[in-house]
Amino acid sequence: MGCSIKLSFFLVFFLVSLSSNCWAQKQGLLSFSFDPKMAVHGPYETSEHGELDLTIRLACHSLNYEIGLYTELFPAIDYYSFGLFYNYKILLEKQPRKFHHWIVPIGVEVGFIKRNIDQDVLKFNFALNGSVRYFFIKNMGVEAGVNYRYRSDLEKIYQDNFKMKINCFVGVVFVWP
């Protein structure tokens, strides 16, 4: 209990610090993305309809990197993930002019997975991310990507020993200025 209070305090402190730093630097990023497979088919083979698996990211960014917080919310299976991420941005604008709105961020994230199925589970996780972004106006774009995540929660809940899982995501990205 004490550990989760300390962790919550640290995350709130970090979020406030990050937000104030983004505001002071005037270079922020906010993205909303979802898993299209879960939206269409749902989380289980027996699912009759899709469910929303939403990921929200808030970050400070510069020309070549972004660092920030993420949370993934999938209430249909009581799955909640939160943590920190770092992406290195590959800029395609140095290539032919037709690519001047394209960015390819690749990076890592570390955090925790919280599950509430039959028992409370709070487990460490990490992931590798890669995506492609296209900005159709200066401050707004779309994104499609892949996430390769260590799912430490699966062993405790489902006795699944293969804990690395791949999922795809699509969404919108807002940057300022």
Protein backbone atom coordinates (compact mmCIF):
# COMPACT_ATOMS: atom_id res chain seq x y z
CA MET A 1 0.00 0.00 0.00
CA GLY A 2 2.77 2.44 0.96
CA CYS A 3 4.67 1.65 -2.24
CA SER A 4 1.66 2.44 -4.44
CA ILE A 5 1.13 5.77 -2.63
CA LYS A 6 4.79 6.68 -3.18
CA LEU A 7 4.55 5.63 -6.83
CA SER A 8 1.36 7.66 -7.32
CA PHE A 9 2.97 10.69 -5.69
CA PHE A 10 6.06 10.32 -7.89
CA LEU A 11 3.96 10.04 -11.07
CA VAL A 12 1.85 13.08 -10.18
CA PHE A 13 5.01 15.06 -9.35
CA PHE A 14 6.63 13.97 -12.60
CA LEU A 15 3.50 14.83 -14.62
CA VAL A 16 3.34 18.32 -13.07
CA SER A 17 7.06 18.84 -13.68
CA LEU A 18 6.78 17.60 -17.25
CA SER A 19 3.73 19.75 -17.93
CA SER A 20 5.38 22.88 -16.55
CA ASN A 21 8.56 22.12 -18.51
CA CYS A 22 6.53 21.65 -21.72
CA TRP A 23 4.72 24.90 -21.03
CA ALA A 24 7.99 26.75 -20.34
CA GLN A 25 9.69 25.24 -23.38
CA LYS A 26 6.51 25.65 -25.43
CA GLN A 27 7.22 22.31 -27.12
CA GLY A 28 4.68 19.66 -26.18
CA LEU A 29 3.08 16.61 -27.71
CA LEU A 30 -0.26 15.00 -26.96
CA SER A 31 -1.46 11.88 -28.74
CA PHE A 32 -4.52 9.66 -28.59
CA SER A 33 -4.33 6.24 -30.20
CA PHE A 34 -6.22 2.96 -30.16
CA ASP A 35 -5.70 -0.66 -31.18
CA PRO A 36 -7.77 -1.28 -34.35
CA LYS A 37 -7.83 -5.07 -33.86
CA MET A 38 -9.40 -4.69 -30.41
CA ALA A 39 -11.83 -2.07 -31.75
CA VAL A 40 -13.07 -4.48 -34.44
CA HIS A 41 -12.74 -7.98 -32.96
CA GLY A 42 -12.52 -7.43 -29.20
CA PRO A 43 -10.03 -8.83 -26.70
CA TYR A 44 -11.04 -12.51 -26.81
CA GLU A 45 -11.78 -15.03 -29.55
CA THR A 46 -15.28 -15.33 -28.10
CA SER A 47 -15.89 -11.54 -28.08
CA GLU A 48 -19.06 -10.57 -29.91
CA HIS A 49 -18.02 -6.95 -30.53
CA GLY A 50 -15.00 -4.69 -30.37
CA GLU A 51 -13.77 -2.76 -27.36
CA LEU A 52 -11.77 0.45 -27.06
CA ASP A 53 -8.10 0.08 -26.04
CA LEU A 54 -7.00 3.73 -25.68
CA THR A 55 -3.45 5.04 -25.21
CA ILE A 56 -2.74 8.66 -24.26
CA ARG A 57 0.75 10.21 -24.39
CA LEU A 58 1.94 13.58 -23.08
CA ALA A 59 5.51 14.60 -23.83
CA CYS A 60 8.10 17.29 -24.21
CA HIS A 61 9.79 17.17 -27.56
CA SER A 62 12.64 18.68 -29.51
CA LEU A 63 13.79 18.24 -33.06
CA ASN A 64 15.25 14.75 -32.45
CA TYR A 65 13.58 13.30 -29.35
CA GLU A 66 10.51 13.19 -27.15
CA ILE A 67 10.21 12.14 -23.51
CA GLY A 68 7.01 11.84 -21.57
CA LEU A 69 4.26 9.91 -19.83
CA TYR A 70 1.82 7.40 -21.24
CA THR A 71 -1.24 5.58 -20.02
CA GLU A 72 -3.13 2.75 -21.70
CA LEU A 73 -6.75 2.22 -20.69
CA PHE A 74 -8.55 -1.00 -21.62
CA PRO A 75 -11.46 -1.28 -19.16
CA ALA A 76 -13.10 -4.21 -21.00
CA ILE A 77 -10.41 -6.51 -19.54
CA ASP A 78 -9.52 -4.38 -16.47
CA TYR A 79 -6.12 -3.52 -17.99
CA TYR A 80 -4.43 -0.26 -17.13
CA SER A 81 -0.83 0.60 -17.94
CA PHE A 82 1.16 3.74 -17.15
CA GLY A 83 4.76 4.87 -17.24
CA LEU A 84 7.49 6.82 -19.01
CA PHE A 85 8.61 6.74 -22.63
CA TYR A 86 11.48 8.05 -24.74
CA ASN A 87 11.44 8.22 -28.54
CA TYR A 88 14.20 9.15 -30.94
CA LYS A 89 12.69 10.87 -33.99
CA ILE A 90 13.96 10.08 -37.46
CA LEU A 91 13.11 13.06 -39.63
CA LEU A 92 12.44 12.33 -43.28
CA GLU A 93 12.40 16.01 -44.24
CA LYS A 94 16.06 15.87 -45.27
CA GLN A 95 14.95 13.47 -47.99
CA PRO A 96 13.08 14.62 -51.12
CA ARG A 97 10.59 17.44 -50.51
CA LYS A 98 7.54 15.16 -50.64
CA PHE A 99 8.51 13.73 -47.20
CA HIS A 100 8.71 17.01 -45.28
CA HIS A 101 5.69 16.18 -43.08
CA TRP A 102 6.82 12.65 -42.12
CA ILE A 103 8.46 11.60 -38.82
CA VAL A 104 9.44 8.09 -37.68
CA PRO A 105 9.73 7.89 -33.86
CA ILE A 106 11.33 4.76 -32.36
CA GLY A 107 11.88 4.21 -28.68
CA VAL A 108 11.29 2.49 -25.38
CA GLU A 109 8.86 2.73 -22.51
CA VAL A 110 8.92 1.47 -18.93
CA GLY A 111 6.08 1.37 -16.49
CA PHE A 112 3.53 -0.75 -14.72
CA ILE A 113 0.51 -2.85 -15.66
CA LYS A 114 -2.46 -2.81 -13.29
CA ARG A 115 -5.05 -5.58 -13.59
CA ASN A 116 -8.17 -6.10 -11.48
CA ILE A 117 -9.67 -9.37 -12.72
CA ASP A 118 -9.83 -11.88 -9.83
CA GLN A 119 -6.94 -10.37 -7.94
CA ASP A 120 -5.15 -7.05 -7.95
CA VAL A 121 -2.01 -7.27 -10.05
CA LEU A 122 0.57 -4.51 -10.38
CA LYS A 123 3.54 -5.61 -12.47
CA PHE A 124 6.54 -3.95 -14.09
CA ASN A 125 6.64 -3.83 -17.90
CA PHE A 126 8.70 -2.44 -20.73
CA ALA A 127 8.13 -2.07 -24.45
CA LEU A 128 9.73 -1.16 -27.74
CA ASN A 129 7.77 1.21 -29.97
CA GLY A 130 7.97 2.28 -33.57
CA SER A 131 5.58 4.39 -35.59
CA VAL A 132 5.14 6.60 -38.62
CA ARG A 133 3.57 10.04 -38.29
CA TYR A 134 2.24 12.28 -41.01
CA PHE A 135 1.47 15.91 -40.17
CA PHE A 136 -1.17 17.23 -42.57
CA ILE A 137 -1.02 20.65 -40.89
CA LYS A 138 1.76 22.13 -38.77
CA ASN A 139 0.41 21.08 -35.37
CA MET A 140 -1.77 18.04 -36.10
CA GLY A 141 -1.14 14.67 -37.65
CA VAL A 142 -1.98 10.99 -37.75
CA GLU A 143 0.08 8.07 -36.52
CA ALA A 144 0.30 4.32 -37.11
CA GLY A 145 2.66 2.11 -35.17
CA VAL A 146 3.68 -1.12 -33.51
CA ASN A 147 4.33 -1.90 -29.85
CA TYR A 148 6.31 -4.94 -28.63
CA ARG A 149 5.53 -5.21 -24.90
CA TYR A 150 6.70 -7.40 -22.03
CA ARG A 151 3.42 -8.49 -20.41
CA SER A 152 4.38 -9.55 -16.89
CA ASP A 153 0.71 -9.65 -15.88
CA LEU A 154 -0.08 -12.64 -18.11
CA GLU A 155 1.91 -15.18 -16.09
CA LYS A 156 0.11 -14.35 -12.86
CA ILE A 157 -3.39 -14.21 -14.35
CA TYR A 158 -3.35 -16.76 -17.21
CA GLN A 159 -0.16 -18.76 -16.52
CA ASP A 160 1.07 -17.63 -19.94
CA ASN A 161 4.86 -18.02 -20.07
CA PHE A 162 5.32 -16.20 -23.40
CA LYS A 163 5.08 -12.67 -22.12
CA MET A 164 6.19 -10.63 -25.16
CA LYS A 165 3.16 -9.41 -27.15
CA ILE A 166 2.82 -7.31 -30.30
CA ASN A 167 0.00 -4.89 -30.94
CA CYS A 168 -0.64 -2.14 -33.47
CA PHE A 169 -2.08 1.29 -32.91
CA VAL A 170 -3.44 4.22 -34.92
CA GLY A 171 -4.31 7.69 -33.72
CA VAL A 172 -3.95 11.45 -33.82
CA VAL A 173 -1.01 13.60 -32.67
CA PHE A 174 -1.04 17.24 -31.56
CA VAL A 175 2.16 19.25 -31.10
CA TRP A 176 2.80 22.78 -29.94
CA PRO A 177 4.07 25.21 -31.06
